[in-house]
C-alpha atoms as a PDB file:
ATOM      1  CA  ARG A   1      46.243 -55.625  29.319  1.00  0.00           C
ATOM      2  CA  ALA A   2      44.992 -56.816  32.789  1.00  0.00           C
ATOM      3  CA  THR A   3      48.458 -56.857  34.182  1.00  0.00           C
ATOM      4  CA  ASN A   4      49.155 -53.518  32.969  1.00  0.00           C
ATOM      5  CA  ALA A   5      45.714 -52.019  33.496  1.00  0.00           C
ATOM      6  CA  ALA A   6      46.818 -49.293  35.859  1.00  0.00           C
ATOM      7  CA  ALA A   7      49.799 -48.136  33.961  1.00  0.00           C
ATOM      8  CA  LEU A   8      47.544 -48.035  30.612  1.00  0.00           C
ATOM      9  CA  MET A   9      45.005 -45.908  32.519  1.00  0.00           C
ATOM     10  CA  ASP A  10      47.935 -43.733  33.651  1.00  0.00           C
ATOM     11  CA  ALA A  11      49.160 -43.128  30.181  1.00  0.00           C
ATOM     12  CA  LEU A  12      45.847 -42.609  28.538  1.00  0.00           C
ATOM     13  CA  GLN A  13      44.884 -40.124  31.360  1.00  0.00           C
ATOM     14  CA  GLU A  14      48.139 -38.297  30.773  1.00  0.00           C
ATOM     15  CA  ALA A  15      47.620 -38.370  26.897  1.00  0.00           C
ATOM     16  CA  PHE A  16      44.102 -36.948  27.271  1.00  0.00           C
ATOM     17  CA  ALA A  17      44.567 -34.459  29.773  1.00  0.00           C
ATOM     18  CA  GLY A  18      43.390 -31.164  28.636  1.00  0.00           C
ATOM     19  CA  VAL A  19      41.776 -32.501  25.461  1.00  0.00           C
ATOM     20  CA  ASP A  20      38.453 -31.004  24.568  1.00  0.00           C
ATOM     21  CA  PRO A  21      35.851 -34.191  24.337  1.00  0.00           C
ATOM     22  CA  ARG A  22      33.975 -32.820  21.600  1.00  0.00           C
ATOM     23  CA  ASP A  23      37.092 -31.610  19.585  1.00  0.00           C
ATOM     24  CA  PHE A  24      38.531 -35.154  19.902  1.00  0.00           C
ATOM     25  CA  PHE A  25      35.218 -36.667  18.792  1.00  0.00           C
ATOM     26  CA  GLU A  26      34.796 -34.353  15.745  1.00  0.00           C
ATOM     27  CA  ARG A  27      38.717 -34.805  14.720  1.00  0.00           C
ATOM     28  CA  SER A  28      38.268 -38.699  15.098  1.00  0.00           C
ATOM     29  CA  ALA A  29      34.913 -38.775  13.284  1.00  0.00           C
ATOM     30  CA  ALA A  30      36.656 -36.998  10.308  1.00  0.00           C
ATOM     31  CA  ARG A  31      39.219 -39.635  10.058  1.00  0.00           C
ATOM     32  CA  GLY A  32      36.346 -42.249   9.921  1.00  0.00           C
ATOM     33  CA  LEU A  33      36.927 -43.369  13.837  1.00  0.00           C
ATOM     34  CA  LEU A  34      34.077 -44.659  15.888  1.00  0.00           C
ATOM     35  CA  THR A  35      34.371 -42.661  18.912  1.00  0.00           C
ATOM     36  CA  GLY A  36      32.058 -40.889  21.555  1.00  0.00           C
ATOM     37  CA  PHE A  37      31.953 -38.940  24.859  1.00  0.00           C
ATOM     38  CA  SER A  38      29.567 -38.257  27.758  1.00  0.00           C
ATOM     39  CA  GLN A  39      27.799 -35.006  27.611  1.00  0.00           C
ATOM     40  CA  THR A  40      26.047 -33.147  30.267  1.00  0.00           C
ATOM     41  CA  ALA A  41      22.325 -32.180  29.896  1.00  0.00           C
ATOM     42  CA  ALA A  42      23.201 -28.744  28.732  1.00  0.00           C
ATOM     43  CA  GLN A  43      25.693 -30.036  26.139  1.00  0.00           C
ATOM     44  CA  LEU A  44      23.041 -32.408  24.799  1.00  0.00           C
ATOM     45  CA  LEU A  45      20.653 -29.524  24.409  1.00  0.00           C
ATOM     46  CA  GLU A  46      23.212 -27.772  22.569  1.00  0.00           C
ATOM     47  CA  CYS A  47      24.812 -30.590  20.434  1.00  0.00           C
ATOM     48  CA  PRO A  48      24.998 -29.781  16.827  1.00  0.00           C
ATOM     49  CA  GLN A  49      24.726 -33.663  15.849  1.00  0.00           C
ATOM     50  CA  LEU A  50      21.473 -33.905  17.557  1.00  0.00           C
ATOM     51  CA  ALA A  51      20.362 -30.534  16.451  1.00  0.00           C
ATOM     52  CA  ALA A  52      20.871 -31.963  12.659  1.00  0.00           C
ATOM     53  CA  ARG A  53      18.842 -34.716  13.347  1.00  0.00           C
ATOM     54  CA  ASP A  54      16.044 -33.033  14.731  1.00  0.00           C
ATOM     55  CA  VAL A  55      16.168 -35.036  18.210  1.00  0.00           C
ATOM     56  CA  PHE A  56      14.564 -32.264  20.228  1.00  0.00           C
ATOM     57  CA  VAL A  57      11.281 -30.672  19.625  1.00  0.00           C
ATOM     58  CA  GLU A  58      10.068 -27.093  21.423  1.00  0.00           C
ATOM     59  CA  MET A  59       6.825 -27.542  23.065  1.00  0.00           C
ATOM     60  CA  PRO A  60       4.364 -25.007  23.788  1.00  0.00           C
ATOM     61  CA  GLY A  61       4.076 -23.522  27.227  1.00  0.00           C
ATOM     62  CA  THR A  62       3.752 -26.405  29.692  1.00  0.00           C
ATOM     63  CA  LEU A  63       6.520 -25.765  31.905  1.00  0.00           C
ATOM     64  CA  GLY A  64       5.643 -22.764  33.991  1.00  0.00           C
ATOM     65  CA  GLY A  65       3.957 -21.137  31.006  1.00  0.00           C
ATOM     66  CA  ARG A  66       7.062 -20.963  28.884  1.00  0.00           C
ATOM     67  CA  PRO A  67       8.237 -23.216  25.815  1.00  0.00           C
ATOM     68  CA  TRP A  68      10.771 -25.817  26.529  1.00  0.00           C
ATOM     69  CA  ARG A  69      12.607 -28.536  24.511  1.00  0.00           C
ATOM     70  CA  MET A  70      12.343 -32.058  25.019  1.00  0.00           C
ATOM     71  CA  PRO A  71      13.662 -35.298  23.329  1.00  0.00           C
ATOM     72  CA  PHE A  72      11.468 -36.059  20.428  1.00  0.00           C
ATOM     73  CA  THR A  73      12.809 -38.830  18.188  1.00  0.00           C
ATOM     74  CA  THR A  74      16.392 -40.602  18.006  1.00  0.00           C
ATOM     75  CA  ALA A  75      15.565 -42.740  15.201  1.00  0.00           C
ATOM     76  CA  SER A  76      14.381 -41.290  11.762  1.00  0.00           C
ATOM     77  CA  LEU A  77      12.990 -44.015   9.433  1.00  0.00           C
ATOM     78  CA  THR A  78      12.253 -43.372   5.745  1.00  0.00           C
ATOM     79  CA  GLY A  79       8.518 -43.629   4.945  1.00  0.00           C
ATOM     80  CA  THR A  80       7.560 -43.516   8.654  1.00  0.00           C
ATOM     81  CA  PRO A  81       8.103 -40.214  10.010  1.00  0.00           C
ATOM     82  CA  SER A  82       7.669 -39.462  13.616  1.00  0.00           C
ATOM     83  CA  THR A  83       4.937 -37.252  14.899  1.00  0.00           C
ATOM     84  CA  TYR A  84       3.724 -36.227  18.544  1.00  0.00           C
ATOM     85  CA  ARG A  85       0.455 -35.646  19.932  1.00  0.00           C
ATOM     86  CA  CYS A  86       0.934 -33.781  23.013  1.00  0.00           C
ATOM     87  CA  SER A  87       3.778 -33.268  25.505  1.00  0.00           C
ATOM     88  CA  ALA A  88       4.565 -35.372  28.351  1.00  0.00           C
ATOM     89  CA  PRO A  89       2.410 -34.867  31.275  1.00  0.00           C
ATOM     90  CA  ALA A  90       3.401 -32.398  34.042  1.00  0.00           C
ATOM     91  CA  LEU A  91       4.467 -33.844  37.354  1.00  0.00           C
ATOM     92  CA  GLY A  92       1.287 -35.315  39.024  1.00  0.00           C
ATOM     93  CA  GLU A  93      -0.944 -34.200  36.033  1.00  0.00           C
ATOM     94  CA  HIS A  94      -2.651 -37.479  35.890  1.00  0.00           C
ATOM     95  CA  ASN A  95      -2.587 -38.588  39.529  1.00  0.00           C
ATOM     96  CA  GLU A  96      -6.276 -38.410  40.150  1.00  0.00           C
ATOM     97  CA  SER A  97      -7.179 -40.253  37.061  1.00  0.00           C
ATOM     98  CA  LEU A  98      -4.736 -43.059  37.765  1.00  0.00           C
ATOM     99  CA  THR A  99      -5.398 -43.513  41.355  1.00  0.00           C
ATOM    100  CA  PRO A 100      -9.013 -42.751  42.105  1.00  0.00           C
ATOM    101  CA  GLU A 101      -9.125 -44.928  45.084  1.00  0.00           C
ATOM    102  CA  ARG A 102      -6.152 -43.399  47.005  1.00  0.00           C
ATOM    103  CA  GLU A 103      -5.616 -40.122  48.670  1.00  0.00           C
ATOM    104  CA  VAL A 104      -3.102 -38.488  46.325  1.00  0.00           C
ATOM    105  CA  ALA A 105      -0.369 -36.280  48.046  1.00  0.00           C
ATOM    106  CA  ARG A 106      -0.409 -32.764  46.556  1.00  0.00           C
END
């Protein structure tokens, strides 16, 4: 493989040129193959698999007063459901309580 790595890479790039990653993933999964692909942040937010697993939760208006979605749980365990108490802190929200002895840039 190492000797022919460049040729293999060229052959794979040619074979997969123009192939939609999600389509390839879904067709492979339907055949029982273990595959995956990289996604952008926008694609992750719209990913049907993550939606089916309830990975994201909509938080109340903590982002400029409007609701927003954040990752909630990536593992669901029987008998130990995930819960959340509050959203992630806003940028700088706890600066003063964490660094009272320092002047915190605002």
